[in-house]
Amino acid sequence: MKKATGIVRRIDELGRVVIPKEIRKVLKIREGESLEIYTSNDDELILKKYSGLKYNFNLIEDFIESLNKILGHTIIVCDTQNIVAVSGKNKKEFETGDLADGFYEFLQKRKSIVKNIDEKDSFVSIIKKGSEFFAQSIYPILSDGEISGAIIMLSFNDAKFTNVETKIMETAADYISRQL
């Protein structure tokens, strides 16, 4: 769907064009994010937000299916704006849910966390409206030093995460980072 904005910009001597702040705000394009460039047969130039995680969807989906099978917990991979893949309990809820306000800001800290039921008050909200879970583990996914997203593990029973599970998640984040 095409939508005219009425905004016209000139290309400078280096071939650059400025995307107006209003458009960046509406499309949630942040400084430092990558855009993919397409052309059409109609002399159109199309810019699309690029997600290396979405580009590697099949690999990531297979990988987290294996993690879910081995660990028995829900595994989620998200980029900075959307959930990319989910395996495990409440899959539909997470696939259709919007990332919670403040989750991007949490990702920007580049911190990993592991929280169990006794630390429930300090859980990080993942989606705006979601089921209650009892443990969470979030590890950032970096690409070329920039935050690309996160891999998340959730427990919907009262099991606490072990050191082995958290090491597996840390390894998973590193593995996905290397694929980008």
Protein backbone atom coordinates (compact mmCIF):
# COMPACT_ATOMS: atom_id res chain seq x y z
CA MET A 1 0.00 0.00 0.00
CA LYS A 2 1.47 3.31 -1.06
CA LYS A 3 0.78 6.46 0.90
CA ALA A 4 1.89 9.89 -0.30
CA THR A 5 3.40 12.13 2.37
CA GLY A 6 3.77 15.29 0.35
CA ILE A 7 7.37 15.59 1.53
CA VAL A 8 10.10 16.12 -1.06
CA ARG A 9 13.82 15.95 -0.30
CA ARG A 10 16.87 16.61 -2.47
CA ILE A 11 19.82 14.24 -2.71
CA ASP A 12 23.06 15.89 -1.59
CA GLU A 13 26.43 15.68 -3.38
CA LEU A 14 27.27 12.45 -1.49
CA GLY A 15 24.02 10.76 -2.55
CA ARG A 16 22.36 11.12 0.84
CA VAL A 17 18.75 11.94 1.53
CA VAL A 18 17.26 12.78 4.92
CA ILE A 19 14.25 10.83 6.12
CA PRO A 20 12.11 13.38 7.97
CA LYS A 21 11.80 13.01 11.72
CA GLU A 22 8.00 12.66 11.51
CA ILE A 23 8.28 9.65 9.19
CA ARG A 24 11.05 8.07 11.29
CA LYS A 25 8.84 8.46 14.37
CA VAL A 26 5.74 6.93 12.73
CA LEU A 27 7.74 4.00 11.32
CA LYS A 28 9.81 3.63 14.51
CA ILE A 29 13.09 3.98 12.64
CA ARG A 30 15.80 4.70 15.17
CA GLU A 31 19.27 6.13 14.71
CA GLY A 32 21.74 3.41 13.80
CA GLU A 33 19.12 0.98 12.45
CA SER A 34 19.71 -0.65 9.09
CA LEU A 35 17.47 -0.11 6.09
CA GLU A 36 17.29 -2.44 3.11
CA ILE A 37 17.05 -0.79 -0.31
CA TYR A 38 14.82 -2.14 -3.08
CA THR A 39 13.95 -0.83 -6.52
CA SER A 40 10.85 -1.48 -8.61
CA ASN A 41 10.13 -1.42 -12.33
CA ASP A 42 8.27 1.86 -11.80
CA ASP A 43 11.42 3.87 -10.97
CA GLU A 44 10.65 3.55 -7.28
CA LEU A 45 13.18 3.36 -4.50
CA ILE A 46 11.88 1.42 -1.51
CA LEU A 47 13.46 1.52 1.95
CA LYS A 48 12.53 -1.25 4.37
CA LYS A 49 13.67 -1.78 7.94
CA TYR A 50 16.17 -4.61 7.91
CA SER A 51 16.17 -7.39 10.46
CA GLY A 52 18.95 -9.95 10.16
CA LEU A 53 16.90 -12.10 12.52
CA LYS A 54 13.92 -12.18 10.15
CA TYR A 55 16.29 -12.80 7.24
CA ASN A 56 17.56 -15.94 9.06
CA PHE A 57 14.06 -16.98 10.19
CA ASN A 58 14.22 -20.66 9.15
CA LEU A 59 17.53 -21.24 10.89
CA ILE A 60 16.35 -19.46 14.03
CA GLU A 61 13.00 -21.26 14.09
CA ASP A 62 14.67 -24.68 13.82
CA PHE A 63 17.23 -23.72 16.46
CA ILE A 64 14.69 -22.57 19.05
CA GLU A 65 12.49 -25.62 18.37
CA SER A 66 15.51 -27.72 19.40
CA LEU A 67 16.10 -25.58 22.50
CA ASN A 68 12.45 -25.89 23.50
CA LYS A 69 12.56 -29.67 23.03
CA ILE A 70 15.71 -30.02 25.13
CA LEU A 71 14.98 -27.45 27.86
CA GLY A 72 11.17 -27.75 28.03
CA HIS A 73 10.69 -23.99 28.33
CA THR A 74 9.22 -21.42 25.94
CA ILE A 75 11.90 -19.82 23.76
CA ILE A 76 11.36 -16.48 22.02
CA VAL A 77 13.58 -14.55 19.62
CA CYS A 78 12.80 -10.91 18.95
CA ASP A 79 14.44 -8.11 17.04
CA THR A 80 14.28 -4.55 18.37
CA GLN A 81 10.64 -4.09 17.40
CA ASN A 82 8.92 -7.45 16.87
CA ILE A 83 8.85 -11.04 17.96
CA VAL A 84 10.52 -13.05 15.21
CA ALA A 85 10.01 -16.67 16.36
CA VAL A 86 8.48 -18.57 19.28
CA SER A 87 8.61 -22.20 20.35
CA GLY A 88 6.72 -23.65 23.28
CA LYS A 89 3.78 -22.84 25.49
CA ASN A 90 1.67 -19.74 24.66
CA LYS A 91 3.23 -19.55 21.18
CA LYS A 92 0.19 -17.84 19.59
CA GLU A 93 0.01 -15.25 22.36
CA PHE A 94 3.62 -14.19 21.80
CA GLU A 95 3.51 -14.38 17.99
CA THR A 96 0.58 -11.96 17.88
CA GLY A 97 1.62 -9.77 20.82
CA ASP A 98 3.28 -6.40 20.53
CA LEU A 99 6.53 -5.87 22.40
CA ALA A 100 5.95 -4.04 25.65
CA ASP A 101 6.67 -0.36 25.96
CA GLY A 102 10.12 -0.07 27.46
CA PHE A 103 11.41 -3.38 26.09
CA TYR A 104 13.52 -1.60 23.44
CA GLU A 105 15.03 0.58 26.16
CA PHE A 106 15.82 -2.57 28.17
CA LEU A 107 17.55 -4.07 25.09
CA GLN A 108 19.65 -0.93 24.63
CA LYS A 109 21.27 -1.61 28.02
CA ARG A 110 22.74 -4.80 26.48
CA LYS A 111 22.27 -6.61 29.77
CA SER A 112 21.32 -10.23 30.26
CA ILE A 113 19.03 -11.16 33.12
CA VAL A 114 17.85 -14.32 34.81
CA LYS A 115 14.92 -13.95 37.20
CA ASN A 116 13.02 -16.63 39.07
CA ILE A 117 9.64 -16.56 40.85
CA ASP A 118 11.11 -15.07 44.03
CA GLU A 119 12.21 -12.03 41.96
CA LYS A 120 8.89 -11.72 40.11
CA ASP A 121 8.51 -8.03 40.94
CA SER A 122 11.57 -7.26 38.79
CA PHE A 123 10.56 -9.24 35.67
CA VAL A 124 10.95 -7.39 32.38
CA SER A 125 7.67 -7.07 30.45
CA ILE A 126 8.05 -8.67 27.05
CA ILE A 127 4.67 -8.16 25.42
CA LYS A 128 1.96 -5.64 26.27
CA LYS A 129 -0.57 -8.22 27.46
CA GLY A 130 0.71 -11.65 28.32
CA SER A 131 0.27 -14.68 30.51
CA GLU A 132 1.95 -14.90 33.86
CA PHE A 133 5.22 -16.80 33.89
CA PHE A 134 7.42 -17.92 36.75
CA ALA A 135 10.96 -17.45 35.48
CA GLN A 136 12.60 -15.50 32.68
CA SER A 137 16.00 -15.35 31.06
CA ILE A 138 16.86 -12.67 28.49
CA TYR A 139 20.11 -12.50 26.56
CA PRO A 140 20.89 -9.75 24.01
CA ILE A 141 21.77 -10.62 20.43
CA LEU A 142 24.45 -8.34 19.00
CA SER A 143 25.53 -7.89 15.41
CA ASP A 144 28.62 -5.82 14.59
CA GLY A 145 28.48 -4.41 18.11
CA GLU A 146 24.87 -3.20 17.72
CA ILE A 147 21.84 -4.63 19.47
CA SER A 148 19.80 -6.74 17.03
CA GLY A 149 17.37 -8.29 19.49
CA ALA A 150 17.21 -10.89 22.22
CA ILE A 151 16.64 -14.55 22.94
CA ILE A 152 14.25 -15.13 25.82
CA MET A 153 13.40 -18.22 27.84
CA LEU A 154 10.24 -18.36 29.96
CA SER A 155 9.01 -20.95 32.42
CA PHE A 156 5.26 -21.33 32.89
CA ASN A 157 5.63 -23.72 35.81
CA ASP A 158 7.33 -23.10 39.13
CA ALA A 159 10.70 -24.49 38.00
CA LYS A 160 13.72 -22.28 38.60
CA PHE A 161 16.34 -21.93 35.90
CA THR A 162 19.59 -23.75 36.58
CA ASN A 163 23.11 -22.58 35.76
CA VAL A 164 23.18 -25.11 32.91
CA GLU A 165 20.04 -23.60 31.35
CA THR A 166 21.37 -20.07 31.64
CA LYS A 167 24.69 -21.11 30.06
CA ILE A 168 22.77 -22.73 27.19
CA MET A 169 20.86 -19.47 26.65
CA GLU A 170 24.07 -17.45 26.74
CA THR A 171 25.54 -19.81 24.14
CA ALA A 172 22.35 -19.55 22.04
CA ALA A 173 22.57 -15.74 21.99
CA ASP A 174 26.21 -15.95 20.91
CA TYR A 175 25.39 -18.52 18.21
CA ILE A 176 22.57 -16.42 16.74
CA SER A 177 24.81 -13.32 16.84
CA ARG A 178 27.39 -15.16 14.76
CA GLN A 179 24.75 -16.01 12.13
CA LEU A 180 23.91 -12.34 11.49
